Amino acid sequence: EYQVGETIKVQVIDIDPYSNQISLSRRAVLPEVEE
């Protein structure tokens, strides 16, 4: 479904304050979810 180098829209769903790891979500910004 996805390829390296592809640009996608995502939402930041969590940022770990200790390790600064960022969790992202693709499904949160899909058109059917927003609708």
PDB file of all heavy atoms in Angstrom:
ATOM      1  N   GLU A   1       0.805  -1.222   0.000  1.00  0.00           N
ATOM      2  CA  GLU A   1       0.000   0.000   0.000  1.00  0.00           C
ATOM      3  C   GLU A   1       0.840   1.276   0.000  1.00  0.00           C
ATOM      4  O   GLU A   1       0.387   2.305  -0.494  1.00  0.00           O
ATOM      5  CB  GLU A   1      -0.912   0.008   1.227  1.00  0.00           C
ATOM      6  CG  GLU A   1      -1.928  -1.112   1.225  1.00  0.00           C
ATOM      7  CD  GLU A   1      -2.844  -1.076   2.433  1.00  0.00           C
ATOM      8  OE1 GLU A   1      -3.248   0.039   2.837  1.00  0.00           O
ATOM      9  OE2 GLU A   1      -3.144  -2.146   2.969  1.00  0.00           O
ATOM     10  N   TYR A   2       2.034   1.212   0.580  1.00  0.00           N
ATOM     11  CA  TYR A   2       2.874   2.398   0.714  1.00  0.00           C
ATOM     12  C   TYR A   2       4.285   2.104   0.245  1.00  0.00           C
ATOM     13  O   TYR A   2       4.765   0.974   0.345  1.00  0.00           O
ATOM     14  CB  TYR A   2       2.902   2.873   2.179  1.00  0.00           C
ATOM     15  CG  TYR A   2       1.539   3.281   2.682  1.00  0.00           C
ATOM     16  CD1 TYR A   2       0.732   2.387   3.376  1.00  0.00           C
ATOM     17  CD2 TYR A   2       1.049   4.554   2.439  1.00  0.00           C
ATOM     18  CE1 TYR A   2      -0.525   2.753   3.830  1.00  0.00           C
ATOM     19  CE2 TYR A   2      -0.208   4.927   2.884  1.00  0.00           C
ATOM     20  CZ  TYR A   2      -0.991   4.025   3.572  1.00  0.00           C
ATOM     21  OH  TYR A   2      -2.234   4.388   4.012  1.00  0.00           O
ATOM     22  N   GLN A   3       4.965   3.146  -0.253  1.00  0.00           N
ATOM     23  CA  GLN A   3       6.324   3.003  -0.755  1.00  0.00           C
ATOM     24  C   GLN A   3       7.241   4.013  -0.064  1.00  0.00           C
ATOM     25  O   GLN A   3       6.819   5.132   0.262  1.00  0.00           O
ATOM     26  CB  GLN A   3       6.369   3.261  -2.274  1.00  0.00           C
ATOM     27  CG  GLN A   3       5.455   2.366  -3.089  1.00  0.00           C
ATOM     28  CD  GLN A   3       5.820   0.905  -2.973  1.00  0.00           C
ATOM     29  OE1 GLN A   3       7.005   0.555  -2.966  1.00  0.00           O
ATOM     30  NE2 GLN A   3       4.817   0.048  -2.848  1.00  0.00           N
ATOM     31  N   VAL A   4       8.499   3.629   0.135  1.00  0.00           N
ATOM     32  CA  VAL A   4       9.489   4.548   0.697  1.00  0.00           C
ATOM     33  C   VAL A   4       9.631   5.733  -0.261  1.00  0.00           C
ATOM     34  O   VAL A   4       9.677   5.564  -1.473  1.00  0.00           O
ATOM     35  CB  VAL A   4      10.855   3.840   0.896  1.00  0.00           C
ATOM     36  CG1 VAL A   4      11.919   4.834   1.316  1.00  0.00           C
ATOM     37  CG2 VAL A   4      10.723   2.727   1.915  1.00  0.00           C
ATOM     38  N   GLY A   5       9.650   6.928   0.306  1.00  0.00           N
ATOM     39  CA  GLY A   5       9.754   8.146  -0.494  1.00  0.00           C
ATOM     40  C   GLY A   5       8.408   8.812  -0.750  1.00  0.00           C
ATOM     41  O   GLY A   5       8.350   9.971  -1.152  1.00  0.00           O
ATOM     42  N   GLU A   6       7.332   8.098  -0.519  1.00  0.00           N
ATOM     43  CA  GLU A   6       5.985   8.633  -0.725  1.00  0.00           C
ATOM     44  C   GLU A   6       5.673   9.662   0.357  1.00  0.00           C
ATOM     45  O   GLU A   6       6.012   9.491   1.523  1.00  0.00           O
ATOM     46  CB  GLU A   6       4.999   7.469  -0.657  1.00  0.00           C
ATOM     47  CG  GLU A   6       3.566   7.822  -0.895  1.00  0.00           C
ATOM     48  CD  GLU A   6       2.661   6.593  -0.806  1.00  0.00           C
ATOM     49  OE1 GLU A   6       3.139   5.450  -0.764  1.00  0.00           O
ATOM     50  OE2 GLU A   6       1.438   6.816  -0.761  1.00  0.00           O
ATOM     51  N   THR A   7       5.023  10.758  -0.030  1.00  0.00           N
ATOM     52  CA  THR A   7       4.611  11.779   0.923  1.00  0.00           C
ATOM     53  C   THR A   7       3.169  11.504   1.332  1.00  0.00           C
ATOM     54  O   THR A   7       2.302  11.313   0.477  1.00  0.00           O
ATOM     55  CB  THR A   7       4.727  13.186   0.305  1.00  0.00           C
ATOM     56  OG1 THR A   7       6.087  13.409  -0.062  1.00  0.00           O
ATOM     57  CG2 THR A   7       4.293  14.256   1.288  1.00  0.00           C
ATOM     58  N   ILE A   8       2.933  11.490   2.663  1.00  0.00           N
ATOM     59  CA  ILE A   8       1.593  11.214   3.176  1.00  0.00           C
ATOM     60  C   ILE A   8       1.219  12.213   4.263  1.00  0.00           C
ATOM     61  O   ILE A   8       2.081  12.828   4.893  1.00  0.00           O
ATOM     62  CB  ILE A   8       1.466   9.773   3.724  1.00  0.00           C
ATOM     63  CG1 ILE A   8       2.460   9.517   4.853  1.00  0.00           C
ATOM     64  CG2 ILE A   8       1.616   8.752   2.622  1.00  0.00           C
ATOM     65  CD1 ILE A   8       2.268   8.168   5.545  1.00  0.00           C
ATOM     66  N   LYS A   9      -0.077  12.345   4.468  1.00  0.00           N
ATOM     67  CA  LYS A   9      -0.600  13.219   5.523  1.00  0.00           C
ATOM     68  C   LYS A   9      -0.848  12.355   6.754  1.00  0.00           C
ATOM     69  O   LYS A   9      -1.429  11.266   6.665  1.00  0.00           O
ATOM     70  CB  LYS A   9      -1.902  13.859   5.039  1.00  0.00           C
ATOM     71  CG  LYS A   9      -2.511  14.859   5.985  1.00  0.00           C
ATOM     72  CD  LYS A   9      -3.554  15.687   5.257  1.00  0.00           C
ATOM     73  CE  LYS A   9      -4.929  15.273   5.665  1.00  0.00           C
ATOM     74  NZ  LYS A   9      -5.986  16.154   5.136  1.00  0.00           N
ATOM     75  N   VAL A  10      -0.400  12.822   7.926  1.00  0.00           N
ATOM     76  CA  VAL A  10      -0.539  12.080   9.174  1.00  0.00           C
ATOM     77  C   VAL A  10      -0.924  13.031  10.305  1.00  0.00           C
ATOM     78  O   VAL A  10      -0.786  14.239  10.179  1.00  0.00           O
ATOM     79  CB  VAL A  10       0.767  11.337   9.553  1.00  0.00           C
ATOM     80  CG1 VAL A  10       1.104  10.262   8.541  1.00  0.00           C
ATOM     81  CG2 VAL A  10       1.928  12.297   9.714  1.00  0.00           C
ATOM     82  N   GLN A  11      -1.382  12.434  11.406  1.00  0.00           N
ATOM     83  CA  GLN A  11      -1.682  13.222  12.601  1.00  0.00           C
ATOM     84  C   GLN A  11      -0.785  12.746  13.731  1.00  0.00           C
ATOM     85  O   GLN A  11      -0.590  11.543  13.917  1.00  0.00           O
ATOM     86  CB  GLN A  11      -3.140  13.072  13.005  1.00  0.00           C
ATOM     87  CG  GLN A  11      -3.502  13.928  14.208  1.00  0.00           C
ATOM     88  CD  GLN A  11      -4.985  13.898  14.521  1.00  0.00           C
ATOM     89  OE1 GLN A  11      -5.695  12.989  14.123  1.00  0.00           O
ATOM     90  NE2 GLN A  11      -5.448  14.911  15.236  1.00  0.00           N
ATOM     91  N   VAL A  12      -0.259  13.690  14.493  1.00  0.00           N
ATOM     92  CA  VAL A  12       0.562  13.370  15.660  1.00  0.00           C
ATOM     93  C   VAL A  12      -0.392  12.971  16.780  1.00  0.00           C
ATOM     94  O   VAL A  12      -1.241  13.763  17.191  1.00  0.00           O
ATOM     95  CB  VAL A  12       1.427  14.573  16.089  1.00  0.00           C
ATOM     96  CG1 VAL A  12       2.233  14.241  17.326  1.00  0.00           C
ATOM     97  CG2 VAL A  12       2.330  15.024  14.955  1.00  0.00           C
ATOM     98  N   ILE A  13      -0.270  11.716  17.264  1.00  0.00           N
ATOM     99  CA  ILE A  13      -1.184  11.262  18.314  1.00  0.00           C
ATOM    100  C   ILE A  13      -0.510  11.130  19.670  1.00  0.00           C
ATOM    101  O   ILE A  13      -1.182  11.067  20.684  1.00  0.00           O
ATOM    102  CB  ILE A  13      -1.894   9.946  17.932  1.00  0.00           C
ATOM    103  CG1 ILE A  13      -0.905   8.836  17.629  1.00  0.00           C
ATOM    104  CG2 ILE A  13      -2.837  10.176  16.769  1.00  0.00           C
ATOM    105  CD1 ILE A  13      -1.540   7.472  17.446  1.00  0.00           C
ATOM    106  N   ASP A  14       0.821  11.091  19.704  1.00  0.00           N
ATOM    107  CA  ASP A  14       1.509  11.014  20.992  1.00  0.00           C
ATOM    108  C   ASP A  14       2.965  11.414  20.818  1.00  0.00           C
ATOM    109  O   ASP A  14       3.565  11.151  19.784  1.00  0.00           O
ATOM    110  CB  ASP A  14       1.430   9.601  21.569  1.00  0.00           C
ATOM    111  CG  ASP A  14       1.854   9.540  23.030  1.00  0.00           C
ATOM    112  OD1 ASP A  14       1.729  10.565  23.742  1.00  0.00           O
ATOM    113  OD2 ASP A  14       2.323   8.483  23.464  1.00  0.00           O
ATOM    114  N   ILE A  15       3.509  12.033  21.846  1.00  0.00           N
ATOM    115  CA  ILE A  15       4.933  12.361  21.899  1.00  0.00           C
ATOM    116  C   ILE A  15       5.425  11.949  23.276  1.00  0.00           C
ATOM    117  O   ILE A  15       4.944  12.466  24.286  1.00  0.00           O
ATOM    118  CB  ILE A  15       5.199  13.864  21.676  1.00  0.00           C
ATOM    119  CG1 ILE A  15       4.657  14.301  20.308  1.00  0.00           C
ATOM    120  CG2 ILE A  15       6.694  14.163  21.781  1.00  0.00           C
ATOM    121  CD1 ILE A  15       4.695  15.799  20.071  1.00  0.00           C
ATOM    122  N   ASP A  16       6.354  11.009  23.313  1.00  0.00           N
ATOM    123  CA  ASP A  16       6.909  10.559  24.580  1.00  0.00           C
ATOM    124  C   ASP A  16       7.870  11.632  25.081  1.00  0.00           C
ATOM    125  O   ASP A  16       8.870  11.922  24.428  1.00  0.00           O
ATOM    126  CB  ASP A  16       7.638   9.229  24.397  1.00  0.00           C
ATOM    127  CG  ASP A  16       8.116   8.635  25.710  1.00  0.00           C
ATOM    128  OD1 ASP A  16       8.524   9.420  26.605  1.00  0.00           O
ATOM    129  OD2 ASP A  16       8.093   7.408  25.838  1.00  0.00           O
ATOM    130  N   PRO A  17       7.600  12.238  26.240  1.00  0.00           N
ATOM    131  CA  PRO A  17       8.444  13.342  26.706  1.00  0.00           C
ATOM    132  C   PRO A  17       9.851  12.909  27.113  1.00  0.00           C
ATOM    133  O   PRO A  17      10.752  13.733  27.160  1.00  0.00           O
ATOM    134  CB  PRO A  17       7.677  13.898  27.907  1.00  0.00           C
ATOM    135  CG  PRO A  17       6.810  12.782  28.365  1.00  0.00           C
ATOM    136  CD  PRO A  17       6.493  11.959  27.156  1.00  0.00           C
ATOM    137  N   TYR A  18      10.032  11.632  27.401  1.00  0.00           N
ATOM    138  CA  TYR A  18      11.351  11.166  27.842  1.00  0.00           C
ATOM    139  C   TYR A  18      12.237  10.762  26.672  1.00  0.00           C
ATOM    140  O   TYR A  18      13.414  11.091  26.639  1.00  0.00           O
ATOM    141  CB  TYR A  18      11.195  10.004  28.824  1.00  0.00           C
ATOM    142  CG  TYR A  18      10.406  10.418  30.045  1.00  0.00           C
ATOM    143  CD1 TYR A  18       9.085  10.026  30.202  1.00  0.00           C
ATOM    144  CD2 TYR A  18      10.962  11.244  31.013  1.00  0.00           C
ATOM    145  CE1 TYR A  18       8.345  10.426  31.301  1.00  0.00           C
ATOM    146  CE2 TYR A  18      10.235  11.659  32.111  1.00  0.00           C
ATOM    147  CZ  TYR A  18       8.931  11.242  32.248  1.00  0.00           C
ATOM    148  OH  TYR A  18       8.207  11.658  33.335  1.00  0.00           O
ATOM    149  N   SER A  19      11.667  10.040  25.723  1.00  0.00           N
ATOM    150  CA  SER A  19      12.483   9.567  24.597  1.00  0.00           C
ATOM    151  C   SER A  19      12.276  10.405  23.336  1.00  0.00           C
ATOM    152  O   SER A  19      12.977  10.205  22.352  1.00  0.00           O
ATOM    153  CB  SER A  19      12.132   8.109  24.284  1.00  0.00           C
ATOM    154  OG  SER A  19      10.786   8.026  23.838  1.00  0.00           O
ATOM    155  N   ASN A  20      11.316  11.337  23.371  1.00  0.00           N
ATOM    156  CA  ASN A  20      10.951  12.161  22.218  1.00  0.00           C
ATOM    157  C   ASN A  20      10.489  11.344  21.021  1.00  0.00           C
ATOM    158  O   ASN A  20      10.559  11.811  19.889  1.00  0.00           O
ATOM    159  CB  ASN A  20      12.095  13.101  21.820  1.00  0.00           C
ATOM    160  CG  ASN A  20      12.274  14.213  22.818  1.00  0.00           C
ATOM    161  OD1 ASN A  20      11.298  14.679  23.403  1.00  0.00           O
ATOM    162  ND2 ASN A  20      13.502  14.618  23.047  1.00  0.00           N
ATOM    163  N   GLN A  21      10.022  10.113  21.248  1.00  0.00           N
ATOM    164  CA  GLN A  21       9.469   9.315  20.163  1.00  0.00           C
ATOM    165  C   GLN A  21       8.082   9.845  19.830  1.00  0.00           C
ATOM    166  O   GLN A  21       7.289  10.161  20.723  1.00  0.00           O
ATOM    167  CB  GLN A  21       9.380   7.847  20.548  1.00  0.00           C
ATOM    168  CG  GLN A  21      10.743   7.191  20.666  1.00  0.00           C
ATOM    169  CD  GLN A  21      10.636   5.726  21.056  1.00  0.00           C
ATOM    170  OE1 GLN A  21       9.665   5.296  21.659  1.00  0.00           O
ATOM    171  NE2 GLN A  21      11.651   4.969  20.689  1.00  0.00           N
ATOM    172  N   ILE A  22       7.801   9.913  18.538  1.00  0.00           N
ATOM    173  CA  ILE A  22       6.536  10.469  18.072  1.00  0.00           C
ATOM    174  C   ILE A  22       5.697   9.363  17.462  1.00  0.00           C
ATOM    175  O   ILE A  22       6.168   8.627  16.593  1.00  0.00           O
ATOM    176  CB  ILE A  22       6.786  11.592  17.042  1.00  0.00           C
ATOM    177  CG1 ILE A  22       7.596  12.719  17.695  1.00  0.00           C
ATOM    178  CG2 ILE A  22       5.479  12.105  16.479  1.00  0.00           C
ATOM    179  CD1 ILE A  22       8.029  13.795  16.736  1.00  0.00           C
ATOM    180  N   SER A  23       4.463   9.252  17.923  1.00  0.00           N
ATOM    181  CA  SER A  23       3.518   8.288  17.360  1.00  0.00           C
ATOM    182  C   SER A  23       2.597   9.036  16.412  1.00  0.00           C
ATOM    183  O   SER A  23       2.050  10.093  16.752  1.00  0.00           O
ATOM    184  CB  SER A  23       2.683   7.633  18.458  1.00  0.00           C
ATOM    185  OG  SER A  23       3.512   6.897  19.318  1.00  0.00           O
ATOM    186  N   LEU A  24       2.420   8.465  15.233  1.00  0.00           N
ATOM    187  CA  LEU A  24       1.619   9.090  14.197  1.00  0.00           C
ATOM    188  C   LEU A  24       0.438   8.205  13.837  1.00  0.00           C
ATOM    189  O   LEU A  24       0.456   7.005  14.084  1.00  0.00           O
ATOM    190  CB  LEU A  24       2.466   9.334  12.949  1.00  0.00           C
ATOM    191  CG  LEU A  24       3.743  10.149  13.147  1.00  0.00           C
ATOM    192  CD1 LEU A  24       4.601  10.098  11.898  1.00  0.00           C
ATOM    193  CD2 LEU A  24       3.399  11.583  13.490  1.00  0.00           C
ATOM    194  N   SER A  25      -0.571   8.794  13.220  1.00  0.00           N
ATOM    195  CA  SER A  25      -1.727   8.046  12.753  1.00  0.00           C
ATOM    196  C   SER A  25      -2.048   8.463  11.329  1.00  0.00           C
ATOM    197  O   SER A  25      -2.151   9.651  11.027  1.00  0.00           O
ATOM    198  CB  SER A  25      -2.942   8.301  13.640  1.00  0.00           C
ATOM    199  OG  SER A  25      -4.080   7.644  13.113  1.00  0.00           O
ATOM    200  N   ARG A  26      -2.203   7.484  10.480  1.00  0.00           N
ATOM    201  CA  ARG A  26      -2.655   7.737   9.106  1.00  0.00           C
ATOM    202  C   ARG A  26      -4.175   7.655   9.045  1.00  0.00           C
ATOM    203  O   ARG A  26      -4.818   8.428   8.369  1.00  0.00           O
ATOM    204  CB  ARG A  26      -2.013   6.707   8.165  1.00  0.00           C
ATOM    205  CG  ARG A  26      -2.510   6.742   6.757  1.00  0.00           C
ATOM    206  CD  ARG A  26      -1.874   7.861   5.973  1.00  0.00           C
ATOM    207  NE  ARG A  26      -2.303   7.771   4.586  1.00  0.00           N
ATOM    208  CZ  ARG A  26      -2.782   8.781   3.910  1.00  0.00           C
ATOM    209  NH1 ARG A  26      -2.841   9.975   4.457  1.00  0.00           N
ATOM    210  NH2 ARG A  26      -3.162   8.652   2.667  1.00  0.00           N
ATOM    211  N   ARG A  27      -4.748   6.709   9.792  1.00  0.00           N
ATOM    212  CA  ARG A  27      -6.196   6.518   9.707  1.00  0.00           C
ATOM    213  C   ARG A  27      -6.973   7.701  10.256  1.00  0.00           C
ATOM    214  O   ARG A  27      -8.112   7.934   9.876  1.00  0.00           O
ATOM    215  CB  ARG A  27      -6.616   5.224  10.383  1.00  0.00           C
ATOM    216  CG  ARG A  27      -6.556   5.242  11.877  1.00  0.00           C
ATOM    217  CD  ARG A  27      -6.997   3.923  12.439  1.00  0.00           C
ATOM    218  NE  ARG A  27      -6.914   3.971  13.874  1.00  0.00           N
ATOM    219  CZ  ARG A  27      -7.515   3.139  14.670  1.00  0.00           C
ATOM    220  NH1 ARG A  27      -8.229   2.171  14.161  1.00  0.00           N
ATOM    221  NH2 ARG A  27      -7.392   3.244  15.963  1.00  0.00           N
ATOM    222  N   ALA A  28      -6.379   8.481  11.145  1.00  0.00           N
ATOM    223  CA  ALA A  28      -7.067   9.640  11.720  1.00  0.00           C
ATOM    224  C   ALA A  28      -7.310  10.739  10.692  1.00  0.00           C
ATOM    225  O   ALA A  28      -8.195  11.572  10.890  1.00  0.00           O
ATOM    226  CB  ALA A  28      -6.264  10.200  12.886  1.00  0.00           C
ATOM    227  N   VAL A  29      -6.547  10.742   9.602  1.00  0.00           N
ATOM    228  CA  VAL A  29      -6.705  11.797   8.599  1.00  0.00           C
ATOM    229  C   VAL A  29      -7.294  11.279   7.292  1.00  0.00           C
ATOM    230  O   VAL A  29      -7.392  12.032   6.323  1.00  0.00           O
ATOM    231  CB  VAL A  29      -5.355  12.504   8.316  1.00  0.00           C
ATOM    232  CG1 VAL A  29      -4.867  13.217   9.547  1.00  0.00           C
ATOM    233  CG2 VAL A  29      -4.322  11.529   7.799  1.00  0.00           C
ATOM    234  N   LEU A  30      -7.705  10.016   7.261  1.00  0.00           N
ATOM    235  CA  LEU A  30      -8.330   9.488   6.050  1.00  0.00           C
ATOM    236  C   LEU A  30      -9.705  10.120   5.864  1.00  0.00           C
ATOM    237  O   LEU A  30     -10.400  10.394   6.842  1.00  0.00           O
ATOM    238  CB  LEU A  30      -8.438   7.965   6.128  1.00  0.00           C
ATOM    239  CG  LEU A  30      -7.104   7.218   6.102  1.00  0.00           C
ATOM    240  CD1 LEU A  30      -7.334   5.726   6.312  1.00  0.00           C
ATOM    241  CD2 LEU A  30      -6.370   7.456   4.798  1.00  0.00           C
ATOM    242  N   PRO A  31     -10.108  10.372   4.630  1.00  0.00           N
ATOM    243  CA  PRO A  31     -11.383  11.076   4.383  1.00  0.00           C
ATOM    244  C   PRO A  31     -12.590  10.402   5.021  1.00  0.00           C
ATOM    245  O   PRO A  31     -13.448  11.084   5.575  1.00  0.00           O
ATOM    246  CB  PRO A  31     -11.505  11.063   2.856  1.00  0.00           C
ATOM    247  CG  PRO A  31     -10.136  10.835   2.342  1.00  0.00           C
ATOM    248  CD  PRO A  31      -9.402  10.065   3.399  1.00  0.00           C
ATOM    249  N   GLU A  32     -12.659   9.067   4.998  1.00  0.00           N
ATOM    250  CA  GLU A  32     -13.834   8.398   5.566  1.00  0.00           C
ATOM    251  C   GLU A  32     -13.913   8.570   7.077  1.00  0.00           C
ATOM    252  O   GLU A  32     -14.983   8.644   7.650  1.00  0.00           O
ATOM    253  CB  GLU A  32     -13.895   6.911   5.181  1.00  0.00           C
ATOM    254  CG  GLU A  32     -12.729   6.096   5.634  1.00  0.00           C
ATOM    255  CD  GLU A  32     -11.612   5.967   4.602  1.00  0.00           C
ATOM    256  OE1 GLU A  32     -11.597   6.714   3.621  1.00  0.00           O
ATOM    257  OE2 GLU A  32     -10.748   5.106   4.816  1.00  0.00           O
ATOM    258  N   VAL A  33     -12.770   8.669   7.744  1.00  0.00           N
ATOM    259  CA  VAL A  33     -12.761   8.875   9.191  1.00  0.00           C
ATOM    260  C   VAL A  33     -13.195  10.295   9.514  1.00  0.00           C
ATOM    261  O   VAL A  33     -13.980  10.528  10.429  1.00  0.00           O
ATOM    262  CB  VAL A  33     -11.363   8.576   9.782  1.00  0.00           C
ATOM    263  CG1 VAL A  33     -11.296   8.950  11.240  1.00  0.00           C
ATOM    264  CG2 VAL A  33     -11.011   7.115   9.577  1.00  0.00           C
ATOM    265  N   GLU A  34     -12.701  11.257   8.744  1.00  0.00           N
ATOM    266  CA  GLU A  34     -13.090  12.647   8.983  1.00  0.00           C
ATOM    267  C   GLU A  34     -14.582  12.844   8.740  1.00  0.00           C
ATOM    268  O   GLU A  34     -15.257  13.556   9.472  1.00  0.00           O
ATOM    269  CB  GLU A  34     -12.256  13.577   8.107  1.00  0.00           C
ATOM    270  CG  GLU A  34     -10.806  13.641   8.548  1.00  0.00           C
ATOM    271  CD  GLU A  34      -9.933  14.508   7.660  1.00  0.00           C
ATOM    272  OE1 GLU A  34     -10.382  14.907   6.566  1.00  0.00           O
ATOM    273  OE2 GLU A  34      -8.803  14.781   8.063  1.00  0.00           O
ATOM    274  N   GLU A  35     -15.136  12.194   7.712  1.00  0.00           N
ATOM    275  CA  GLU A  35     -16.572  12.280   7.442  1.00  0.00           C
ATOM    276  C   GLU A  35     -17.378  11.648   8.572  1.00  0.00           C
ATOM    277  O   GLU A  35     -18.400  12.172   8.985  1.00  0.00           O
ATOM    278  CB  GLU A  35     -16.911  11.607   6.109  1.00  0.00           C
ATOM    279  CG  GLU A  35     -16.608  12.453   4.902  1.00  0.00           C
ATOM    280  CD  GLU A  35     -17.352  13.781   4.904  1.00  0.00           C
ATOM    281  OE1 GLU A  35     -18.578  13.799   5.149  1.00  0.00           O
ATOM    282  OE2 GLU A  35     -16.706  14.812   4.676  1.00  0.00           O
TER     283      GLU A  35
END
